[in-house]
């Protein structure tokens, strides 16, 4: 098969199908920054599409065969675009090579001396964002690809001119096996994406393969506190730097103090004080994310002060415990949590913040995940004071299982299911009162509910 590296030179011409997606729009900017002439198409005229067209990249709305002209040298498609897409059919007719998005990012990562790739079942976006802050503080001028918006960049990506790239690396469909990390971070491994993976062992196997993508002189950063991660990496023939909350890890925290939504702690490296950190995002899980970012930075030779001040400047990524405003005296936050482990970390954090009541508005993400992890979801949904459930966000799936959020509501005492957002929103308005925290949670479009009611 043709190597995408052959097209990474100024003056080449490429077309991106589904260019409005977070990763695809970032890819378009990075490729253009390399001097490649880019066009694209998308089904919707989104914010990302408008930003691309404003920057001079032509984007056609709708997928049509005529969007693929004979002067196009390569096509990149998002995972949602299949072989029956008219633009893919036309590209094949013209003999134009078609690449997957992850192949393109993987080829780009090979061009950097330092390729930092952050993986894990959850925490990827936050940790990638923390690493970005650290690398910016270290004046590394990194290229960045994040699966969310980072206020520092006012985007989910950055085109840098240094020799370092930092990328969020997703395991779904083994996407991260296209990457070429010199430093591979594994935050945690849990059973997820079971519409693709057979079971937890299958997930662990893929993460091990990801770790083996590092060169022999590279580094794997691993969560010592996560048994699944350490089992997956057992006897791995690579240098492994561990992070965790005990002094058995290479990088660990001491003297952790929580004050409201902030924390302060010392980062220790090989038993010696490395730096101290004040973190402006809540929760013990974010202390762990910060330790992972610090360990990755140490692998890259970053100085302690850059870690200290980079993390101090981090105030969260978009849709990660993001404050949206107030309603009727209640604080409204939004979070991307869509796995029971993420939901647990979020609720653990909120319980430390001393609100009178927690109102959880939860939208499960995909039928297969809801069914496979049903009991784990129920366990977490029993924790908040008020639970309002939106219907499952289908994403890429059809409901062949016959499952609904109503099934969850039946197992959670007091939980209420609403088939439509307007019904749920009205009930939320009735229930909210001063001293509450309202959480809109899920990887779908549930954030719209919080945005609708929040008084900015």
Protein backbone atom coordinates (compact mmCIF):
# COMPACT_ATOMS: atom_id res chain seq x y z
CA UNK A 1 0.00 0.00 0.00
CA UNK A 2 1.14 3.55 -0.71
CA UNK A 3 2.79 5.20 2.31
CA UNK A 4 1.20 8.48 3.43
CA UNK A 5 4.71 9.77 4.15
CA UNK A 6 5.16 10.13 0.37
CA UNK A 7 2.66 13.02 0.42
CA UNK A 8 4.09 15.00 3.33
CA UNK A 9 5.85 17.64 1.25
CA UNK A 10 4.92 21.21 0.22
CA UNK A 11 2.79 21.60 -2.86
CA UNK A 12 1.07 18.21 -2.69
CA UNK A 13 -2.72 18.33 -2.86
CA UNK A 14 -5.09 16.44 -0.57
CA UNK A 15 -8.81 16.20 0.23
CA UNK A 16 -10.27 15.38 3.66
CA UNK A 17 -13.73 13.78 3.87
CA UNK A 18 -15.45 14.64 7.15
CA UNK A 19 -13.10 17.57 7.62
CA UNK A 20 -15.29 19.21 10.30
CA UNK A 21 -14.52 16.62 12.99
CA UNK A 22 -12.23 17.51 15.89
CA UNK A 23 -9.32 15.38 14.75
CA UNK A 24 -9.91 15.95 11.02
CA UNK A 25 -10.06 19.73 11.26
CA UNK A 26 -6.86 19.63 13.32
CA UNK A 27 -5.27 17.41 10.68
CA UNK A 28 -6.27 19.87 7.96
CA UNK A 29 -4.50 22.71 9.76
CA UNK A 30 -1.38 20.65 10.43
CA UNK A 31 -1.15 19.48 6.80
CA UNK A 32 -1.64 23.02 5.54
CA UNK A 33 1.08 24.17 7.94
CA UNK A 34 3.40 21.72 6.16
CA UNK A 35 2.67 23.48 2.87
CA UNK A 36 0.18 20.93 1.54
CA UNK A 37 -2.83 22.26 -0.38
CA UNK A 38 -5.98 21.04 1.37
CA UNK A 39 -9.67 20.90 0.46
CA UNK A 40 -12.44 19.04 2.23
CA UNK A 41 -16.08 18.13 2.58
CA UNK A 42 -18.48 17.62 5.46
CA UNK A 43 -22.16 16.92 5.91
CA UNK A 44 -22.65 19.90 8.22
CA UNK A 45 -21.61 23.55 8.23
CA UNK A 46 -20.21 23.45 11.77
CA UNK A 47 -18.08 25.84 13.78
CA UNK A 48 -14.97 23.91 12.73
CA UNK A 49 -15.97 24.08 9.07
CA UNK A 50 -16.52 27.82 9.26
CA UNK A 51 -13.11 28.26 10.89
CA UNK A 52 -11.45 26.24 8.14
CA UNK A 53 -13.14 28.16 5.34
CA UNK A 54 -12.25 31.46 7.02
CA UNK A 55 -8.62 30.36 7.03
CA UNK A 56 -8.69 29.67 3.29
CA UNK A 57 -9.41 25.93 3.14
CA UNK A 58 -12.35 25.29 0.76
CA UNK A 59 -14.98 22.98 2.26
CA UNK A 60 -17.93 21.56 0.33
CA UNK A 61 -21.08 20.86 2.33
CA UNK A 62 -22.34 17.42 1.39
CA UNK A 63 -20.46 14.45 -0.02
CA UNK A 64 -20.51 14.42 -3.82
CA UNK A 65 -18.38 12.69 -6.45
CA UNK A 66 -17.56 16.04 -8.09
CA UNK A 67 -15.73 17.13 -4.94
CA UNK A 68 -12.93 14.76 -6.01
CA UNK A 69 -11.11 16.42 -8.88
CA UNK A 70 -8.30 14.90 -10.94
CA UNK A 71 -5.64 17.18 -9.43
CA UNK A 72 -6.17 15.71 -5.94
CA UNK A 73 -3.26 13.41 -5.05
CA UNK A 74 -4.60 11.77 -1.89
CA UNK A 75 -7.78 11.48 0.16
CA UNK A 76 -8.09 11.10 3.94
CA UNK A 77 -11.37 9.93 5.44
CA UNK A 78 -12.80 9.94 8.93
CA UNK A 79 -13.87 6.62 10.47
CA UNK A 80 -17.56 7.40 9.78
CA UNK A 81 -16.97 7.49 5.99
CA UNK A 82 -17.30 4.08 4.33
CA UNK A 83 -16.53 2.63 0.92
CA UNK A 84 -20.02 3.42 -0.41
CA UNK A 85 -19.40 7.16 0.03
CA UNK A 86 -19.58 8.84 -3.42
CA UNK A 87 -16.27 10.64 -2.87
CA UNK A 88 -14.53 7.39 -1.95
CA UNK A 89 -15.99 5.70 -5.03
CA UNK A 90 -14.78 8.56 -7.23
CA UNK A 91 -11.31 8.51 -5.69
CA UNK A 92 -11.03 4.79 -6.43
CA UNK A 93 -12.19 5.38 -10.02
CA UNK A 94 -9.44 7.97 -10.48
CA UNK A 95 -6.81 5.81 -8.81
CA UNK A 96 -6.34 8.30 -5.96
CA UNK A 97 -5.09 6.60 -2.76
CA UNK A 98 -7.44 6.76 0.23
CA UNK A 99 -6.02 6.86 3.75
CA UNK A 100 -7.59 6.57 7.19
CA UNK A 101 -7.30 9.55 9.51
CA UNK A 102 -5.10 7.60 11.92
CA UNK A 103 -2.70 6.66 9.10
CA UNK A 104 -2.21 10.34 8.37
CA UNK A 105 -1.59 11.25 12.01
CA UNK A 106 0.72 8.27 12.35
CA UNK A 107 2.82 9.37 9.38
CA UNK A 108 3.00 12.90 10.77
CA UNK A 109 4.15 11.62 14.18
CA UNK A 110 7.07 9.86 12.47
CA UNK A 111 8.45 13.25 11.36
CA UNK A 112 9.13 14.36 14.95
CA UNK A 113 12.14 13.45 17.09
CA UNK A 114 9.85 13.44 20.12
CA UNK A 115 6.38 11.96 19.70
CA UNK A 116 4.44 11.92 22.97
CA UNK A 117 1.24 9.85 22.65
CA UNK A 118 -1.21 9.63 25.56
CA UNK A 119 -3.51 6.61 25.77
CA UNK A 120 -5.89 5.10 28.33
CA UNK A 121 -9.52 4.20 28.79
CA UNK A 122 -10.08 7.62 30.36
CA UNK A 123 -8.14 10.78 31.20
CA UNK A 124 -6.54 11.13 27.76
CA UNK A 125 -7.81 14.60 26.89
CA UNK A 126 -6.98 16.09 30.29
CA UNK A 127 -3.50 14.57 30.41
CA UNK A 128 -2.72 15.54 26.81
CA UNK A 129 -3.80 19.08 27.71
CA UNK A 130 -1.58 19.08 30.80
CA UNK A 131 1.36 17.88 28.69
CA UNK A 132 0.68 20.69 26.23
CA UNK A 133 0.82 23.27 29.02
CA UNK A 134 4.11 21.82 30.26
CA UNK A 135 5.70 21.72 26.80
CA UNK A 136 4.58 25.29 26.10
CA UNK A 137 6.09 26.40 29.41
CA UNK A 138 9.29 24.61 28.39
CA UNK A 139 9.38 26.55 25.09
CA UNK A 140 9.31 23.31 23.08
CA UNK A 141 6.94 24.91 20.51
CA UNK A 142 5.01 21.62 20.14
CA UNK A 143 2.55 20.47 17.53
CA UNK A 144 -0.58 19.30 19.36
CA UNK A 145 -3.60 17.11 18.65
CA UNK A 146 -6.20 16.85 21.44
CA UNK A 147 -9.66 15.29 21.37
CA UNK A 148 -11.22 18.39 22.93
CA UNK A 149 -10.82 22.14 23.19
CA UNK A 150 -7.98 23.57 25.28
CA UNK A 151 -8.48 27.22 26.32
CA UNK A 152 -4.74 27.87 26.06
CA UNK A 153 -4.96 27.13 22.33
CA UNK A 154 -8.60 28.16 21.83
CA UNK A 155 -8.71 24.96 19.79
CA UNK A 156 -7.98 21.25 19.98
CA UNK A 157 -4.75 21.49 18.06
CA UNK A 158 -1.66 23.56 17.44
CA UNK A 159 0.85 23.67 14.60
CA UNK A 160 4.29 24.14 16.15
CA UNK A 161 7.78 24.41 14.72
CA UNK A 162 9.67 22.45 17.37
CA UNK A 163 10.74 18.79 17.22
CA UNK A 164 7.96 17.60 19.54
CA UNK A 165 4.42 16.45 18.85
CA UNK A 166 1.91 15.57 21.58
CA UNK A 167 -1.13 13.54 20.59
CA UNK A 168 -4.15 11.94 22.18
CA UNK A 169 -4.07 8.27 21.20
CA UNK A 170 -7.39 6.37 21.13
CA UNK A 171 -7.54 2.57 21.23
CA UNK A 172 -10.88 2.25 19.43
CA UNK A 173 -10.47 0.21 16.23
CA UNK A 174 -6.77 0.03 17.20
CA UNK A 175 -6.34 3.58 15.94
CA UNK A 176 -3.29 4.17 18.12
CA UNK A 177 -1.41 1.34 16.42
CA UNK A 178 -0.86 3.71 13.48
CA UNK A 179 1.15 6.07 15.70
CA UNK A 180 4.93 6.11 16.20
CA UNK A 181 5.46 7.24 19.79
CA UNK A 182 8.86 7.82 21.29
CA UNK A 183 7.07 8.25 24.63
CA UNK A 184 3.87 6.23 25.09
CA UNK A 185 1.67 6.99 28.10
CA UNK A 186 -0.87 4.44 29.39
CA UNK A 187 -3.13 6.00 32.01
CA UNK A 188 -5.36 3.00 32.69
CA UNK A 189 -6.93 0.02 30.95
CA UNK A 190 -10.54 -1.05 31.41
CA UNK A 191 -13.04 -3.06 29.41
CA UNK A 192 -14.50 -0.60 26.90
CA UNK A 193 -15.38 -0.39 23.20
CA UNK A 194 -16.67 -3.94 23.44
CA UNK A 195 -18.36 -3.54 20.06
CA UNK A 196 -14.81 -3.86 18.69
CA UNK A 197 -12.73 -5.65 21.36
CA UNK A 198 -13.70 -9.16 22.43
CA UNK A 199 -12.97 -8.68 26.13
CA UNK A 200 -10.58 -7.06 28.61
CA UNK A 201 -7.72 -9.36 27.54
CA UNK A 202 -8.17 -8.19 23.96
CA UNK A 203 -8.04 -4.56 25.12
CA UNK A 204 -4.87 -5.25 27.13
CA UNK A 205 -3.26 -6.90 24.11
CA UNK A 206 -3.81 -3.78 22.01
CA UNK A 207 -2.33 -1.52 24.67
CA UNK A 208 0.72 -3.78 24.87
CA UNK A 209 1.10 -3.52 21.09
CA UNK A 210 0.84 0.26 21.42
CA UNK A 211 3.64 0.26 24.02
CA UNK A 212 5.78 -1.84 21.66
CA UNK A 213 5.41 0.88 19.02
CA UNK A 214 8.01 2.84 20.95
CA UNK A 215 11.63 2.38 19.81
CA UNK A 216 14.08 0.45 21.99
CA UNK A 217 15.49 3.74 23.33
CA UNK A 218 11.98 5.15 23.89
CA UNK A 219 9.96 5.24 27.10
CA UNK A 220 6.61 3.84 28.26
CA UNK A 221 4.89 5.78 31.06
CA UNK A 222 2.56 3.49 33.00
CA UNK A 223 0.13 3.76 35.92
CA UNK A 224 1.57 1.57 38.67
CA UNK A 225 -1.73 1.76 40.59
CA UNK A 226 -3.67 0.19 37.70
CA UNK A 227 -3.42 -3.61 37.82
CA UNK A 228 -4.73 -4.04 34.26
CA UNK A 229 -2.03 -1.75 32.88
CA UNK A 230 0.81 -3.42 34.74
CA UNK A 231 -0.43 -6.88 33.73
CA UNK A 232 -0.53 -5.79 30.07
CA UNK A 233 3.06 -4.52 30.27
CA UNK A 234 4.55 -7.46 32.17
CA UNK A 235 8.07 -8.27 30.90
CA UNK A 236 7.76 -5.62 28.20
CA UNK A 237 11.19 -5.17 26.55
CA UNK A 238 11.10 -1.39 26.91
CA UNK A 239 12.07 1.19 29.52
CA UNK A 240 9.01 1.73 31.72
CA UNK A 241 8.61 4.79 33.95
CA UNK A 242 5.79 4.30 36.44
CA UNK A 243 3.65 6.92 38.14
CA UNK A 244 1.26 6.54 41.05
CA UNK A 245 0.27 7.54 44.54
CA UNK A 246 2.78 5.36 46.42
CA UNK A 247 6.54 5.65 46.70
CA UNK A 248 6.87 2.36 44.82
CA UNK A 249 6.35 4.37 41.61
CA UNK A 250 9.17 6.21 39.84
CA UNK A 251 7.10 9.40 39.88
CA UNK A 252 4.72 9.87 42.80
CA UNK A 253 3.00 12.52 44.91
CA UNK A 254 3.65 13.44 48.52
CA UNK A 255 1.94 15.89 50.89
CA UNK A 256 -1.29 16.13 48.88
CA UNK A 257 -3.57 18.90 50.18
CA UNK A 258 -7.01 19.69 48.78
CA UNK A 259 -8.56 23.13 49.17
CA UNK A 260 -11.90 23.34 47.39
CA UNK A 261 -11.31 22.74 43.70
CA UNK A 262 -7.52 23.15 44.04
CA UNK A 263 -4.78 20.83 45.22
CA UNK A 264 -1.14 21.22 46.16
CA UNK A 265 1.43 18.42 46.29
CA UNK A 266 5.08 17.55 45.84
CA UNK A 267 6.16 15.52 42.81
CA UNK A 268 8.85 13.01 43.71
CA UNK A 269 11.12 11.32 41.16
CA UNK A 270 13.18 8.29 42.16
CA UNK A 271 12.68 9.17 45.82
CA UNK A 272 13.88 12.76 45.45
CA UNK A 273 11.91 16.00 45.33
CA UNK A 274 11.39 17.07 41.71
CA UNK A 275 9.03 20.04 42.09
CA UNK A 276 5.87 21.14 43.86
CA UNK A 277 2.61 21.73 42.04
CA UNK A 278 -0.56 23.73 42.59
CA UNK A 279 -3.33 22.25 40.47
CA UNK A 280 -6.47 24.24 39.64
CA UNK A 281 -8.66 21.29 38.66
CA UNK A 282 -10.33 19.17 41.34
CA UNK A 283 -10.04 15.52 42.28
CA UNK A 284 -7.51 12.84 43.06
CA UNK A 285 -7.84 11.54 39.49
CA UNK A 286 -6.41 14.83 38.25
CA UNK A 287 -3.48 14.49 40.64
CA UNK A 288 -2.81 11.16 38.90
CA UNK A 289 -3.17 12.77 35.48
CA UNK A 290 -0.67 15.44 36.53
CA UNK A 291 1.77 12.74 37.68
CA UNK A 292 1.46 11.04 34.29
CA UNK A 293 2.13 14.34 32.53
CA UNK A 294 5.13 15.00 34.78
CA UNK A 295 6.54 11.53 34.12
CA UNK A 296 6.17 12.05 30.36
CA UNK A 297 7.90 15.42 30.67
CA UNK A 298 10.79 13.83 32.58
CA UNK A 299 11.17 11.29 29.74
CA UNK A 300 11.48 14.26 27.37
CA UNK A 301 14.08 16.00 29.53
CA UNK A 302 11.81 18.86 30.60
CA UNK A 303 13.05 20.88 33.58
CA UNK A 304 11.16 20.93 36.91
CA UNK A 305 10.08 24.58 36.65
CA UNK A 306 8.33 23.96 33.32
CA UNK A 307 6.35 21.14 34.95
CA UNK A 308 5.51 23.34 37.95
CA UNK A 309 4.38 26.38 35.99
CA UNK A 310 2.85 24.44 33.11
CA UNK A 311 0.55 22.55 35.47
CA UNK A 312 -0.20 25.69 37.49
CA UNK A 313 -1.53 27.34 34.33
CA UNK A 314 -3.88 24.48 33.49
CA UNK A 315 -7.51 25.19 34.34
CA UNK A 316 -9.17 22.30 32.56
CA UNK A 317 -10.06 21.23 29.05
CA UNK A 318 -13.38 21.72 27.30
CA UNK A 319 -16.13 19.37 28.55
CA UNK A 320 -13.94 18.17 31.44
CA UNK A 321 -15.69 19.42 34.59
CA UNK A 322 -16.28 22.65 32.69
CA UNK A 323 -18.20 25.39 34.53
CA UNK A 324 -21.10 26.60 32.40
CA UNK A 325 -22.76 29.12 34.71
CA UNK A 326 -25.57 29.19 37.27
CA UNK A 327 -29.27 28.45 37.32
CA UNK A 328 -31.54 29.35 40.23
CA UNK A 329 -28.56 29.50 42.58
CA UNK A 330 -27.15 26.14 41.44
CA UNK A 331 -23.75 25.73 39.77
CA UNK A 332 -23.91 24.10 36.32
CA UNK A 333 -20.97 21.96 35.17
CA UNK A 334 -20.49 19.77 32.12
CA UNK A 335 -18.32 16.66 31.83
CA UNK A 336 -17.51 14.17 29.07
CA UNK A 337 -17.59 11.10 31.36
CA UNK A 338 -19.18 8.19 29.50
CA UNK A 339 -17.61 5.15 31.18
CA UNK A 340 -18.40 3.96 34.73
CA UNK A 341 -14.79 4.58 35.77
CA UNK A 342 -14.99 8.17 34.58
CA UNK A 343 -18.37 8.64 36.26
CA UNK A 344 -16.93 7.35 39.53
CA UNK A 345 -13.97 9.75 39.35
CA UNK A 346 -16.32 12.66 38.66
CA UNK A 347 -18.68 11.82 41.53
CA UNK A 348 -15.77 11.20 43.91
CA UNK A 349 -14.55 14.70 43.11
CA UNK A 350 -17.95 16.35 43.50
CA UNK A 351 -18.56 14.71 46.87
CA UNK A 352 -15.53 16.59 48.23
CA UNK A 353 -16.91 20.00 47.18
CA UNK A 354 -19.64 20.26 49.85
CA UNK A 355 -22.66 21.05 47.68
CA UNK A 356 -26.07 20.52 49.29
CA UNK A 357 -27.23 18.19 46.53
CA UNK A 358 -25.81 16.66 43.36
CA UNK A 359 -28.15 16.61 40.37
CA UNK A 360 -26.86 14.33 37.64
CA UNK A 361 -28.17 14.66 34.08
CA UNK A 362 -26.70 11.62 32.35
CA UNK A 363 -26.77 10.60 28.70
CA UNK A 364 -25.26 7.13 28.12
CA UNK A 365 -23.05 6.78 25.04
CA UNK A 366 -23.70 3.85 22.67
CA UNK A 367 -25.97 0.87 23.18
CA UNK A 368 -23.15 -1.67 23.35
CA UNK A 369 -21.30 0.18 26.14
CA UNK A 370 -24.52 0.64 28.14
CA UNK A 371 -25.37 -3.05 27.86
CA UNK A 372 -21.86 -4.38 28.51
CA UNK A 373 -21.26 -2.16 31.57
CA UNK A 374 -24.87 -1.95 32.76
CA UNK A 375 -24.32 -3.02 36.38
CA UNK A 376 -21.32 -0.68 36.75
CA UNK A 377 -23.40 2.24 35.48
CA UNK A 378 -26.21 1.39 37.90
CA UNK A 379 -23.75 1.35 40.81
CA UNK A 380 -22.57 4.89 40.04
CA UNK A 381 -26.02 6.26 39.18
CA UNK A 382 -27.24 5.31 42.66
CA UNK A 383 -24.84 7.84 44.21
CA UNK A 384 -26.21 11.33 43.28
CA UNK A 385 -29.18 12.88 45.08
CA UNK A 386 -31.15 13.43 41.86
CA UNK A 387 -30.70 11.49 38.61
CA UNK A 388 -32.31 12.55 35.32
CA UNK A 389 -31.59 10.27 32.38
CA UNK A 390 -31.63 11.22 28.71
CA UNK A 391 -31.96 8.57 26.03
CA UNK A 392 -28.79 6.76 24.94
CA UNK A 393 -26.69 8.67 22.39
CA UNK A 394 -26.40 6.21 19.51
CA UNK A 395 -23.25 7.65 17.89
CA UNK A 396 -22.22 5.10 15.26
CA UNK A 397 -24.67 2.35 16.30
CA UNK A 398 -28.13 0.99 15.62
CA UNK A 399 -30.16 -0.24 18.59
CA UNK A 400 -30.15 -3.95 17.79
CA UNK A 401 -29.93 -4.76 21.53
CA UNK A 402 -33.27 -3.22 22.51
CA UNK A 403 -31.79 -1.28 25.42
CA UNK A 404 -32.83 2.18 26.65
CA UNK A 405 -31.95 4.59 29.43
CA UNK A 406 -35.35 3.60 30.81
CA UNK A 407 -33.71 0.25 31.65
CA UNK A 408 -31.19 2.08 33.85
CA UNK A 409 -33.92 4.17 35.48
CA UNK A 410 -35.73 0.99 36.52
CA UNK A 411 -32.69 -0.10 38.53
CA UNK A 412 -31.96 3.26 40.22
CA UNK A 413 -34.42 4.32 42.89
CA UNK A 414 -35.75 7.81 42.24
CA UNK A 415 -34.13 8.13 38.81
CA UNK A 416 -36.30 9.56 36.05
CA UNK A 417 -36.05 8.89 32.33
CA UNK A 418 -37.02 11.50 29.71
CA UNK A 419 -37.22 10.56 26.05
CA UNK A 420 -36.62 14.15 24.89
CA UNK A 421 -34.32 16.98 25.96
CA UNK A 422 -37.13 19.57 26.35
CA UNK A 423 -38.96 17.34 28.85
CA UNK A 424 -35.78 16.71 30.80
CA UNK A 425 -34.82 20.39 30.77
CA UNK A 426 -38.17 21.45 32.19
CA UNK A 427 -37.92 18.92 35.01
CA UNK A 428 -34.36 20.06 35.73
CA UNK A 429 -35.55 23.65 36.03
CA UNK A 430 -38.23 22.57 38.49
CA UNK A 431 -35.81 20.62 40.66
CA UNK A 432 -32.80 22.96 40.77
CA UNK A 433 -32.34 25.10 43.87
CA UNK A 434 -29.60 27.15 45.55
CA UNK A 435 -26.67 25.12 46.83
CA UNK A 436 -27.03 22.37 44.21
CA UNK A 437 -24.46 21.31 41.67
CA UNK A 438 -25.93 20.34 38.30
CA UNK A 439 -23.82 17.98 36.19
CA UNK A 440 -24.62 17.37 32.53
CA UNK A 441 -22.61 14.26 31.73
CA UNK A 442 -21.93 12.16 28.64
CA UNK A 443 -20.02 12.07 25.36
CA UNK A 444 -23.01 13.02 23.24
CA UNK A 445 -24.92 16.32 23.02
CA UNK A 446 -26.18 16.46 26.63
CA UNK A 447 -24.05 19.58 27.19
CA UNK A 448 -26.74 21.54 25.33
CA UNK A 449 -29.08 21.18 28.30
CA UNK A 450 -26.66 22.89 30.66
CA UNK A 451 -25.87 25.59 28.13
CA UNK A 452 -29.57 26.28 27.64
CA UNK A 453 -30.28 26.90 31.31
CA UNK A 454 -26.99 28.42 32.48
CA UNK A 455 -26.99 32.10 33.25
CA UNK A 456 -23.55 33.03 31.99
